[in-house]
Amino acid sequence: MAEFDFHWVDAFSNRAFGGNGCAVVHAAAHLPEDICTAYVRETSLVECTFTGPSQVADFRVRYFLAGREIPFAGHPTIATVAALRDKGLISGTSVTLETGAGIVPVSLDGDLIEMTQVAPEFGPFADPALVAAAVSLPEVAIVGRPQKVSTGLPFCIAVLKDRAALEAARLDIDALAVLGETLGADGIDMMEPFLVTLEGATAAGDTFSRLLMAPPSPPEDPFTGSATGAMAAYLWKHGLMAKDSFTAEQGHGLGRPGQAQVMRVGPPEGMTGIKVAGEGFILMRGTVDLPEG
């Protein structure tokens, strides 16, 4: 056993129990995958990160779900930088992270932490009927054509006609598997549809989203920073968002309200990145004993 420092951070929130929690385990990026995933399951969180030294960036960050490692995730990036800063490892206003999706630059402006996600990649369109079936909604609830989009991690972005449809969505695992096959899900891709409406959960928001998740993850993600970047890219590419920057909201139905500021880098027809910014509230600091192999 070895002892590691950790922080538990509520990302995309400025208060306890808001946004999405993430445990950040310091100097532990060398741990094997089975230990990291077991730790995620022990916390009952959606994701945790494990940091370490990097030869190409300021820090290396590995991201884990309950069942597997993923190349990148948004709310854990906000949480990781908040934890590194609280630990005294970041003294300036910028930092770079080595992730499985490439180098992610992050800037700090007071309490706001802003990551620049990689240029969006637009994959195949999804059959609206299959998307609707995956979230137990009628096809008429889907606006336009859902599409696989990635700004570091791929999601099936689906715009819903109104908030009532968003709140009524329920995940159908068998139908989700069919949808995933059509989009090339391979065990790394997250093919749960990221559902969005073009109205905020509050007067401050421009969009309101949900991500329903399949086991062994918890049933719903309180705030999904990587999907927020992919969603924003989709909205700009298809002319559904007139603003160059907007406020995205998620988690309100879970009692964990979260908010992100989203900004486009480059024109809608040639985006070179998506900036997603939010705060991170340090909920816990401590140590954890984990086997190293």
C-alpha atoms as a PDB file:
ATOM      1  CA  MET A   1       0.000   0.000   0.000  1.00  0.00           C
ATOM      2  CA  ALA A   2       1.036   3.594  -0.627  1.00  0.00           C
ATOM      3  CA  GLU A   3      -0.422   6.811   0.724  1.00  0.00           C
ATOM      4  CA  PHE A   4      -1.603   9.487  -1.715  1.00  0.00           C
ATOM      5  CA  ASP A   5      -2.983  12.955  -1.142  1.00  0.00           C
ATOM      6  CA  PHE A   6      -6.369  13.628  -2.689  1.00  0.00           C
ATOM      7  CA  HIS A   7      -8.842  16.472  -3.161  1.00  0.00           C
ATOM      8  CA  TRP A   8     -12.589  16.097  -3.655  1.00  0.00           C
ATOM      9  CA  VAL A   9     -13.810  18.989  -5.804  1.00  0.00           C
ATOM     10  CA  ASP A  10     -17.304  20.016  -6.886  1.00  0.00           C
ATOM     11  CA  ALA A  11     -16.654  21.283 -10.417  1.00  0.00           C
ATOM     12  CA  PHE A  12     -18.700  23.901 -12.275  1.00  0.00           C
ATOM     13  CA  SER A  13     -19.938  25.190  -8.947  1.00  0.00           C
ATOM     14  CA  ASN A  14     -18.932  27.739  -6.318  1.00  0.00           C
ATOM     15  CA  ARG A  15     -20.596  25.921  -3.420  1.00  0.00           C
ATOM     16  CA  ALA A  16     -20.627  22.571  -1.678  1.00  0.00           C
ATOM     17  CA  PHE A  17     -22.746  19.840  -3.298  1.00  0.00           C
ATOM     18  CA  GLY A  18     -23.222  21.773  -6.541  1.00  0.00           C
ATOM     19  CA  GLY A  19     -22.046  20.853 -10.020  1.00  0.00           C
ATOM     20  CA  ASN A  20     -20.247  17.542 -10.408  1.00  0.00           C
ATOM     21  CA  GLY A  21     -17.889  15.976  -7.883  1.00  0.00           C
ATOM     22  CA  CYS A  22     -14.495  14.559  -8.784  1.00  0.00           C
ATOM     23  CA  ALA A  23     -11.775  13.061  -6.598  1.00  0.00           C
ATOM     24  CA  VAL A  24      -8.277  14.056  -7.705  1.00  0.00           C
ATOM     25  CA  VAL A  25      -5.532  11.673  -6.535  1.00  0.00           C
ATOM     26  CA  HIS A  26      -2.137  13.357  -6.646  1.00  0.00           C
ATOM     27  CA  ALA A  27       1.099  11.777  -7.900  1.00  0.00           C
ATOM     28  CA  ALA A  28      -0.795   8.602  -8.781  1.00  0.00           C
ATOM     29  CA  ALA A  29      -0.868   8.508 -12.597  1.00  0.00           C
ATOM     30  CA  HIS A  30       1.339   5.398 -12.491  1.00  0.00           C
ATOM     31  CA  LEU A  31      -1.330   3.257 -10.813  1.00  0.00           C
ATOM     32  CA  PRO A  32      -2.806   0.366 -12.831  1.00  0.00           C
ATOM     33  CA  GLU A  33      -6.224   0.720 -14.411  1.00  0.00           C
ATOM     34  CA  ASP A  34      -7.930  -1.838 -12.179  1.00  0.00           C
ATOM     35  CA  ILE A  35      -6.935   0.108  -9.048  1.00  0.00           C
ATOM     36  CA  CYS A  36      -8.084   3.408 -10.536  1.00  0.00           C
ATOM     37  CA  THR A  37     -11.466   2.096 -11.649  1.00  0.00           C
ATOM     38  CA  ALA A  38     -11.982   0.385  -8.283  1.00  0.00           C
ATOM     39  CA  TYR A  39     -11.317   3.718  -6.587  1.00  0.00           C
ATOM     40  CA  VAL A  40     -13.930   5.409  -8.782  1.00  0.00           C
ATOM     41  CA  ARG A  41     -16.460   2.750  -7.812  1.00  0.00           C
ATOM     42  CA  GLU A  42     -15.558   3.210  -4.144  1.00  0.00           C
ATOM     43  CA  THR A  43     -16.307   6.941  -4.356  1.00  0.00           C
ATOM     44  CA  SER A  44     -19.589   6.417  -6.296  1.00  0.00           C
ATOM     45  CA  LEU A  45     -18.541   9.394  -8.446  1.00  0.00           C
ATOM     46  CA  VAL A  46     -18.821   9.418 -12.223  1.00  0.00           C
ATOM     47  CA  GLU A  47     -15.114  10.109 -12.772  1.00  0.00           C
ATOM     48  CA  CYS A  48     -11.844  10.557 -10.892  1.00  0.00           C
ATOM     49  CA  THR A  49      -8.431  11.754 -12.026  1.00  0.00           C
ATOM     50  CA  PHE A  50      -4.894  10.680 -11.202  1.00  0.00           C
ATOM     51  CA  THR A  51      -2.060  13.143 -11.728  1.00  0.00           C
ATOM     52  CA  GLY A  52       1.652  12.753 -12.355  1.00  0.00           C
ATOM     53  CA  PRO A  53       4.708  14.276 -13.991  1.00  0.00           C
ATOM     54  CA  SER A  54       4.823  14.979 -17.719  1.00  0.00           C
ATOM     55  CA  GLN A  55       7.642  15.533 -20.194  1.00  0.00           C
ATOM     56  CA  VAL A  56       5.433  17.509 -22.592  1.00  0.00           C
ATOM     57  CA  ALA A  57       3.181  19.544 -20.249  1.00  0.00           C
ATOM     58  CA  ASP A  58       3.105  20.822 -16.693  1.00  0.00           C
ATOM     59  CA  PHE A  59       1.195  17.769 -15.445  1.00  0.00           C
ATOM     60  CA  ARG A  60      -0.058  14.446 -16.749  1.00  0.00           C
ATOM     61  CA  VAL A  61      -3.708  13.633 -16.000  1.00  0.00           C
ATOM     62  CA  ARG A  62      -5.420  10.258 -16.403  1.00  0.00           C
ATOM     63  CA  TYR A  63      -9.217  10.105 -16.377  1.00  0.00           C
ATOM     64  CA  PHE A  64     -11.252   7.122 -15.181  1.00  0.00           C
ATOM     65  CA  LEU A  65     -14.877   6.066 -15.140  1.00  0.00           C
ATOM     66  CA  ALA A  66     -16.093   3.223 -12.950  1.00  0.00           C
ATOM     67  CA  GLY A  67     -15.413   0.721 -15.720  1.00  0.00           C
ATOM     68  CA  ARG A  68     -12.601   2.099 -17.884  1.00  0.00           C
ATOM     69  CA  GLU A  69     -10.055   4.801 -18.622  1.00  0.00           C
ATOM     70  CA  ILE A  70     -11.086   7.577 -21.007  1.00  0.00           C
ATOM     71  CA  PRO A  71      -8.860  10.063 -22.844  1.00  0.00           C
ATOM     72  CA  PHE A  72     -10.386  13.266 -21.505  1.00  0.00           C
ATOM     73  CA  ALA A  73     -13.263  14.675 -19.467  1.00  0.00           C
ATOM     74  CA  GLY A  74     -14.379  18.210 -18.764  1.00  0.00           C
ATOM     75  CA  HIS A  75     -15.507  18.501 -15.162  1.00  0.00           C
ATOM     76  CA  PRO A  76     -12.520  16.450 -13.932  1.00  0.00           C
ATOM     77  CA  THR A  77     -10.218  18.901 -15.732  1.00  0.00           C
ATOM     78  CA  ILE A  78     -11.752  21.826 -13.836  1.00  0.00           C
ATOM     79  CA  ALA A  79     -11.527  19.787 -10.610  1.00  0.00           C
ATOM     80  CA  THR A  80      -7.917  18.765 -11.226  1.00  0.00           C
ATOM     81  CA  VAL A  81      -6.718  22.312 -11.807  1.00  0.00           C
ATOM     82  CA  ALA A  82      -8.629  23.542  -8.734  1.00  0.00           C
ATOM     83  CA  ALA A  83      -6.973  20.780  -6.681  1.00  0.00           C
ATOM     84  CA  LEU A  84      -3.485  21.457  -8.029  1.00  0.00           C
ATOM     85  CA  ARG A  85      -3.882  25.152  -7.273  1.00  0.00           C
ATOM     86  CA  ASP A  86      -5.162  24.456  -3.746  1.00  0.00           C
ATOM     87  CA  LYS A  87      -2.183  22.167  -3.159  1.00  0.00           C
ATOM     88  CA  GLY A  88       0.161  25.013  -4.126  1.00  0.00           C
ATOM     89  CA  LEU A  89       1.399  23.359  -7.325  1.00  0.00           C
ATOM     90  CA  ILE A  90       0.166  26.134  -9.656  1.00  0.00           C
ATOM     91  CA  SER A  91       1.458  29.615  -8.975  1.00  0.00           C
ATOM     92  CA  GLY A  92       0.687  31.425 -12.212  1.00  0.00           C
ATOM     93  CA  THR A  93      -2.390  32.049 -14.324  1.00  0.00           C
ATOM     94  CA  SER A  94      -1.940  29.188 -16.804  1.00  0.00           C
ATOM     95  CA  VAL A  95      -1.102  25.504 -16.851  1.00  0.00           C
ATOM     96  CA  THR A  96      -0.933  22.732 -19.436  1.00  0.00           C
ATOM     97  CA  LEU A  97      -2.214  19.192 -18.967  1.00  0.00           C
ATOM     98  CA  GLU A  98      -1.108  16.094 -20.841  1.00  0.00           C
ATOM     99  CA  THR A  99      -4.249  14.030 -21.505  1.00  0.00           C
ATOM    100  CA  GLY A 100      -5.170  11.119 -23.712  1.00  0.00           C
ATOM    101  CA  ALA A 101      -6.750  13.626 -26.098  1.00  0.00           C
ATOM    102  CA  GLY A 102      -3.613  15.782 -26.351  1.00  0.00           C
ATOM    103  CA  ILE A 103      -2.281  18.834 -24.537  1.00  0.00           C
ATOM    104  CA  VAL A 104      -5.054  20.847 -22.885  1.00  0.00           C
ATOM    105  CA  PRO A 105      -4.175  24.458 -21.987  1.00  0.00           C
ATOM    106  CA  VAL A 106      -5.964  25.900 -18.975  1.00  0.00           C
ATOM    107  CA  SER A 107      -6.058  29.518 -17.812  1.00  0.00           C
ATOM    108  CA  LEU A 108      -7.012  30.824 -14.373  1.00  0.00           C
ATOM    109  CA  ASP A 109      -8.743  34.142 -13.790  1.00  0.00           C
ATOM    110  CA  GLY A 110      -9.582  34.501 -10.122  1.00  0.00           C
ATOM    111  CA  ASP A 111     -11.915  31.640  -9.241  1.00  0.00           C
ATOM    112  CA  LEU A 112     -12.711  30.909 -12.913  1.00  0.00           C
ATOM    113  CA  ILE A 113     -10.853  28.005 -14.549  1.00  0.00           C
ATOM    114  CA  GLU A 114     -10.991  27.936 -18.362  1.00  0.00           C
ATOM    115  CA  MET A 115      -9.902  24.943 -20.442  1.00  0.00           C
ATOM    116  CA  THR A 116      -9.473  25.036 -24.194  1.00  0.00           C
ATOM    117  CA  GLN A 117     -10.806  21.801 -25.627  1.00  0.00           C
ATOM    118  CA  VAL A 118      -9.407  20.566 -28.937  1.00  0.00           C
ATOM    119  CA  ALA A 119     -10.915  21.451 -32.308  1.00  0.00           C
ATOM    120  CA  PRO A 120     -14.259  19.690 -32.773  1.00  0.00           C
ATOM    121  CA  GLU A 121     -14.498  16.559 -34.865  1.00  0.00           C
ATOM    122  CA  PHE A 122     -17.878  15.932 -36.462  1.00  0.00           C
ATOM    123  CA  GLY A 123     -18.796  12.316 -36.995  1.00  0.00           C
ATOM    124  CA  PRO A 124     -21.817  10.632 -38.542  1.00  0.00           C
ATOM    125  CA  PHE A 125     -25.381  11.766 -38.043  1.00  0.00           C
ATOM    126  CA  ALA A 126     -27.566   9.492 -35.948  1.00  0.00           C
ATOM    127  CA  ASP A 127     -31.022   8.234 -36.805  1.00  0.00           C
ATOM    128  CA  PRO A 128     -33.400  10.414 -34.756  1.00  0.00           C
ATOM    129  CA  ALA A 129     -35.658   7.408 -34.190  1.00  0.00           C
ATOM    130  CA  LEU A 130     -32.798   5.448 -32.605  1.00  0.00           C
ATOM    131  CA  VAL A 131     -31.801   8.389 -30.427  1.00  0.00           C
ATOM    132  CA  ALA A 132     -35.400   8.869 -29.307  1.00  0.00           C
ATOM    133  CA  ALA A 133     -35.706   5.167 -28.472  1.00  0.00           C
ATOM    134  CA  ALA A 134     -32.464   5.274 -26.450  1.00  0.00           C
ATOM    135  CA  VAL A 135     -33.922   7.950 -24.164  1.00  0.00           C
ATOM    136  CA  SER A 136     -37.541   6.678 -24.189  1.00  0.00           C
ATOM    137  CA  LEU A 137     -38.984   9.673 -26.064  1.00  0.00           C
ATOM    138  CA  PRO A 138     -41.141   9.987 -29.189  1.00  0.00           C
ATOM    139  CA  GLU A 139     -39.205  10.879 -32.317  1.00  0.00           C
ATOM    140  CA  VAL A 140     -41.034  14.220 -32.558  1.00  0.00           C
ATOM    141  CA  ALA A 141     -39.183  15.321 -29.411  1.00  0.00           C
ATOM    142  CA  ILE A 142     -35.900  15.431 -31.400  1.00  0.00           C
ATOM    143  CA  VAL A 143     -35.034  18.647 -33.245  1.00  0.00           C
ATOM    144  CA  GLY A 144     -32.957  18.237 -36.401  1.00  0.00           C
ATOM    145  CA  ARG A 145     -30.382  15.479 -36.828  1.00  0.00           C
ATOM    146  CA  PRO A 146     -28.394  14.237 -33.821  1.00  0.00           C
ATOM    147  CA  GLN A 147     -24.689  13.848 -34.534  1.00  0.00           C
ATOM    148  CA  LYS A 148     -21.560  12.304 -33.071  1.00  0.00           C
ATOM    149  CA  VAL A 149     -19.240  15.167 -32.031  1.00  0.00           C
ATOM    150  CA  SER A 150     -15.984  15.235 -30.077  1.00  0.00           C
ATOM    151  CA  THR A 151     -13.847  17.953 -28.542  1.00  0.00           C
ATOM    152  CA  GLY A 152     -11.696  15.331 -26.847  1.00  0.00           C
ATOM    153  CA  LEU A 153     -14.362  12.731 -26.056  1.00  0.00           C
ATOM    154  CA  PRO A 154     -17.219  11.788 -28.429  1.00  0.00           C
ATOM    155  CA  PHE A 155     -20.896  12.204 -27.628  1.00  0.00           C
ATOM    156  CA  CYS A 156     -24.115  11.903 -29.581  1.00  0.00           C
ATOM    157  CA  ILE A 157     -25.508  15.441 -29.411  1.00  0.00           C
ATOM    158  CA  ALA A 158     -29.306  15.655 -29.573  1.00  0.00           C
ATOM    159  CA  VAL A 159     -31.379  18.841 -29.345  1.00  0.00           C
ATOM    160  CA  LEU A 160     -34.815  18.390 -27.780  1.00  0.00           C
ATOM    161  CA  LYS A 161     -37.835  20.539 -28.532  1.00  0.00           C
ATOM    162  CA  ASP A 162     -38.499  21.680 -24.963  1.00  0.00           C
ATOM    163  CA  ARG A 163     -37.707  21.259 -21.297  1.00  0.00           C
ATOM    164  CA  ALA A 164     -40.634  18.884 -20.757  1.00  0.00           C
ATOM    165  CA  ALA A 165     -39.043  16.411 -23.167  1.00  0.00           C
ATOM    166  CA  LEU A 166     -35.681  16.842 -21.458  1.00  0.00           C
ATOM    167  CA  GLU A 167     -37.153  16.066 -18.046  1.00  0.00           C
ATOM    168  CA  ALA A 168     -39.121  13.073 -19.367  1.00  0.00           C
ATOM    169  CA  ALA A 169     -36.067  11.314 -20.862  1.00  0.00           C
ATOM    170  CA  ARG A 170     -35.202   7.885 -19.444  1.00  0.00           C
ATOM    171  CA  LEU A 171     -32.342   5.678 -20.640  1.00  0.00           C
ATOM    172  CA  ASP A 172     -33.205   2.408 -22.404  1.00  0.00           C
ATOM    173  CA  ILE A 173     -30.075   0.241 -22.253  1.00  0.00           C
ATOM    174  CA  ASP A 174     -31.063  -2.134 -25.065  1.00  0.00           C
ATOM    175  CA  ALA A 175     -31.987   0.717 -27.412  1.00  0.00           C
ATOM    176  CA  LEU A 176     -28.784   2.526 -26.423  1.00  0.00           C
ATOM    177  CA  ALA A 177     -26.737  -0.474 -27.535  1.00  0.00           C
ATOM    178  CA  VAL A 178     -28.386  -0.378 -30.964  1.00  0.00           C
ATOM    179  CA  LEU A 179     -27.643   3.347 -31.271  1.00  0.00           C
ATOM    180  CA  GLY A 180     -24.045   2.819 -30.200  1.00  0.00           C
ATOM    181  CA  GLU A 181     -23.489   0.165 -32.869  1.00  0.00           C
ATOM    182  CA  THR A 182     -24.610   2.565 -35.592  1.00  0.00           C
ATOM    183  CA  LEU A 183     -22.191   5.229 -34.351  1.00  0.00           C
ATOM    184  CA  GLY A 184     -19.187   2.962 -33.964  1.00  0.00           C
ATOM    185  CA  ALA A 185     -19.056   2.717 -30.176  1.00  0.00           C
ATOM    186  CA  ASP A 186     -15.957   0.705 -29.279  1.00  0.00           C
ATOM    187  CA  GLY A 187     -15.777   0.736 -25.484  1.00  0.00           C
ATOM    188  CA  ILE A 188     -14.008   4.106 -25.362  1.00  0.00           C
ATOM    189  CA  ASP A 189     -16.683   6.229 -26.994  1.00  0.00           C
ATOM    190  CA  MET A 190     -19.473   7.451 -24.743  1.00  0.00           C
ATOM    191  CA  MET A 191     -22.548   7.008 -26.892  1.00  0.00           C
ATOM    192  CA  GLU A 192     -25.180   8.003 -24.369  1.00  0.00           C
ATOM    193  CA  PRO A 193     -26.988  10.918 -26.047  1.00  0.00           C
ATOM    194  CA  PHE A 194     -26.181  14.317 -24.602  1.00  0.00           C
ATOM    195  CA  LEU A 195     -29.584  15.977 -24.502  1.00  0.00           C
ATOM    196  CA  VAL A 196     -29.903  19.751 -24.735  1.00  0.00           C
ATOM    197  CA  THR A 197     -32.663  22.342 -24.911  1.00  0.00           C
ATOM    198  CA  LEU A 198     -32.154  25.881 -26.157  1.00  0.00           C
ATOM    199  CA  GLU A 199     -33.347  27.444 -22.914  1.00  0.00           C
ATOM    200  CA  GLY A 200     -31.627  27.654 -19.565  1.00  0.00           C
ATOM    201  CA  ALA A 201     -32.639  25.978 -16.346  1.00  0.00           C
ATOM    202  CA  THR A 202     -32.530  29.503 -14.881  1.00  0.00           C
ATOM    203  CA  ALA A 203     -32.766  32.982 -16.342  1.00  0.00           C
ATOM    204  CA  ALA A 204     -28.966  33.099 -16.477  1.00  0.00           C
ATOM    205  CA  GLY A 205     -28.661  30.105 -18.807  1.00  0.00           C
ATOM    206  CA  ASP A 206     -28.838  29.757 -22.579  1.00  0.00           C
ATOM    207  CA  THR A 207     -28.921  25.944 -22.651  1.00  0.00           C
ATOM    208  CA  PHE A 208     -29.978  23.188 -20.263  1.00  0.00           C
ATOM    209  CA  SER A 209     -28.669  19.648 -20.677  1.00  0.00           C
ATOM    210  CA  ARG A 210     -28.768  16.130 -19.289  1.00  0.00           C
ATOM    211  CA  LEU A 211     -26.564  13.054 -19.712  1.00  0.00           C
ATOM    212  CA  LEU A 212     -28.159   9.757 -18.716  1.00  0.00           C
ATOM    213  CA  MET A 213     -25.502   7.098 -18.137  1.00  0.00           C
ATOM    214  CA  ALA A 214     -25.312   3.323 -18.417  1.00  0.00           C
ATOM    215  CA  PRO A 215     -23.964   1.032 -15.638  1.00  0.00           C
ATOM    216  CA  PRO A 216     -21.521   0.767 -13.954  1.00  0.00           C
ATOM    217  CA  SER A 217     -21.597   4.587 -13.895  1.00  0.00           C
ATOM    218  CA  PRO A 218     -24.225   6.408 -11.810  1.00  0.00           C
ATOM    219  CA  PRO A 219     -27.577   6.862 -13.624  1.00  0.00           C
ATOM    220  CA  GLU A 220     -26.999  10.515 -14.502  1.00  0.00           C
ATOM    221  CA  ASP A 221     -24.041  12.872 -14.747  1.00  0.00           C
ATOM    222  CA  PRO A 222     -24.594  16.135 -12.843  1.00  0.00           C
ATOM    223  CA  PHE A 223     -22.414  18.215 -15.187  1.00  0.00           C
ATOM    224  CA  THR A 224     -20.537  17.094 -18.282  1.00  0.00           C
ATOM    225  CA  GLY A 225     -17.824  19.522 -19.345  1.00  0.00           C
ATOM    226  CA  SER A 226     -16.519  17.518 -22.311  1.00  0.00           C
ATOM    227  CA  ALA A 227     -20.025  17.033 -23.705  1.00  0.00           C
ATOM    228  CA  THR A 228     -20.743  20.736 -23.168  1.00  0.00           C
ATOM    229  CA  GLY A 229     -17.860  21.549 -25.518  1.00  0.00           C
ATOM    230  CA  ALA A 230     -19.107  19.068 -28.118  1.00  0.00           C
ATOM    231  CA  MET A 231     -22.664  20.381 -27.746  1.00  0.00           C
ATOM    232  CA  ALA A 232     -21.524  23.966 -28.244  1.00  0.00           C
ATOM    233  CA  ALA A 233     -19.618  23.013 -31.392  1.00  0.00           C
ATOM    234  CA  TYR A 234     -22.734  21.286 -32.757  1.00  0.00           C
ATOM    235  CA  LEU A 235     -24.941  24.286 -32.052  1.00  0.00           C
ATOM    236  CA  TRP A 236     -22.539  26.698 -33.737  1.00  0.00           C
ATOM    237  CA  LYS A 237     -21.916  24.471 -36.759  1.00  0.00           C
ATOM    238  CA  HIS A 238     -25.623  24.044 -37.424  1.00  0.00           C
ATOM    239  CA  GLY A 239     -26.582  27.672 -36.790  1.00  0.00           C
ATOM    240  CA  LEU A 240     -28.538  26.990 -33.609  1.00  0.00           C
ATOM    241  CA  MET A 241     -26.559  29.395 -31.396  1.00  0.00           C
ATOM    242  CA  ALA A 242     -26.262  33.035 -32.466  1.00  0.00           C
ATOM    243  CA  LYS A 243     -23.976  34.100 -29.607  1.00  0.00           C
ATOM    244  CA  ASP A 244     -20.189  33.700 -29.796  1.00  0.00           C
ATOM    245  CA  SER A 245     -20.242  32.764 -26.099  1.00  0.00           C
ATOM    246  CA  PHE A 246     -23.041  31.490 -23.879  1.00  0.00           C
ATOM    247  CA  THR A 247     -23.933  30.029 -20.493  1.00  0.00           C
ATOM    248  CA  ALA A 248     -24.597  26.286 -20.280  1.00  0.00           C
ATOM    249  CA  GLU A 249     -26.497  24.769 -17.351  1.00  0.00           C
ATOM    250  CA  GLN A 250     -26.875  21.183 -16.141  1.00  0.00           C
ATOM    251  CA  GLY A 251     -27.644  19.232 -12.974  1.00  0.00           C
ATOM    252  CA  HIS A 252     -30.543  21.280 -11.650  1.00  0.00           C
ATOM    253  CA  GLY A 253     -32.933  18.330 -11.695  1.00  0.00           C
ATOM    254  CA  LEU A 254     -30.510  16.416  -9.472  1.00  0.00           C
ATOM    255  CA  GLY A 255     -30.269  19.217  -6.936  1.00  0.00           C
ATOM    256  CA  ARG A 256     -26.666  19.821  -8.083  1.00  0.00           C
ATOM    257  CA  PRO A 257     -26.899  22.954 -10.235  1.00  0.00           C
ATOM    258  CA  GLY A 258     -23.866  23.591 -12.407  1.00  0.00           C
ATOM    259  CA  GLN A 259     -22.943  26.339 -14.827  1.00  0.00           C
ATOM    260  CA  ALA A 260     -20.246  26.823 -17.463  1.00  0.00           C
ATOM    261  CA  GLN A 261     -19.224  29.709 -19.685  1.00  0.00           C
ATOM    262  CA  VAL A 262     -18.613  28.503 -23.246  1.00  0.00           C
ATOM    263  CA  MET A 263     -16.719  30.372 -25.980  1.00  0.00           C
ATOM    264  CA  ARG A 264     -15.934  29.499 -29.572  1.00  0.00           C
ATOM    265  CA  VAL A 265     -12.371  29.747 -30.890  1.00  0.00           C
ATOM    266  CA  GLY A 266     -12.513  30.618 -34.581  1.00  0.00           C
ATOM    267  CA  PRO A 267     -15.515  31.019 -36.897  1.00  0.00           C
ATOM    268  CA  PRO A 268     -18.425  28.536 -36.887  1.00  0.00           C
ATOM    269  CA  GLU A 269     -17.229  27.017 -40.163  1.00  0.00           C
ATOM    270  CA  GLY A 270     -13.644  26.597 -38.946  1.00  0.00           C
ATOM    271  CA  MET A 271     -13.537  26.216 -35.176  1.00  0.00           C
ATOM    272  CA  THR A 272     -10.049  25.534 -33.798  1.00  0.00           C
ATOM    273  CA  GLY A 273     -11.145  24.913 -30.227  1.00  0.00           C
ATOM    274  CA  ILE A 274     -13.899  25.342 -27.662  1.00  0.00           C
ATOM    275  CA  LYS A 275     -13.287  27.131 -24.364  1.00  0.00           C
ATOM    276  CA  VAL A 276     -15.283  25.886 -21.376  1.00  0.00           C
ATOM    277  CA  ALA A 277     -14.906  27.668 -18.045  1.00  0.00           C
ATOM    278  CA  GLY A 278     -16.242  27.124 -14.547  1.00  0.00           C
ATOM    279  CA  GLU A 279     -15.355  27.228 -10.888  1.00  0.00           C
ATOM    280  CA  GLY A 280     -14.260  24.421  -8.591  1.00  0.00           C
ATOM    281  CA  PHE A 281     -15.277  24.180  -4.932  1.00  0.00           C
ATOM    282  CA  ILE A 282     -12.856  22.222  -2.733  1.00  0.00           C
ATOM    283  CA  LEU A 283     -15.073  19.973  -0.619  1.00  0.00           C
ATOM    284  CA  MET A 284     -12.508  17.643   0.963  1.00  0.00           C
ATOM    285  CA  ARG A 285      -8.749  17.233   1.397  1.00  0.00           C
ATOM    286  CA  GLY A 286      -7.141  14.074   2.705  1.00  0.00           C
ATOM    287  CA  THR A 287      -5.107  10.940   2.043  1.00  0.00           C
ATOM    288  CA  VAL A 288      -5.992   7.564   0.628  1.00  0.00           C
ATOM    289  CA  ASP A 289      -4.115   4.242   0.848  1.00  0.00           C
ATOM    290  CA  LEU A 290      -4.040   2.406  -2.486  1.00  0.00           C
ATOM    291  CA  PRO A 291      -2.156  -0.670  -3.727  1.00  0.00           C
ATOM    292  CA  GLU A 292       0.402   0.158  -6.433  1.00  0.00           C
ATOM    293  CA  GLY A 293       0.077  -3.101  -8.288  1.00  0.00           C
END
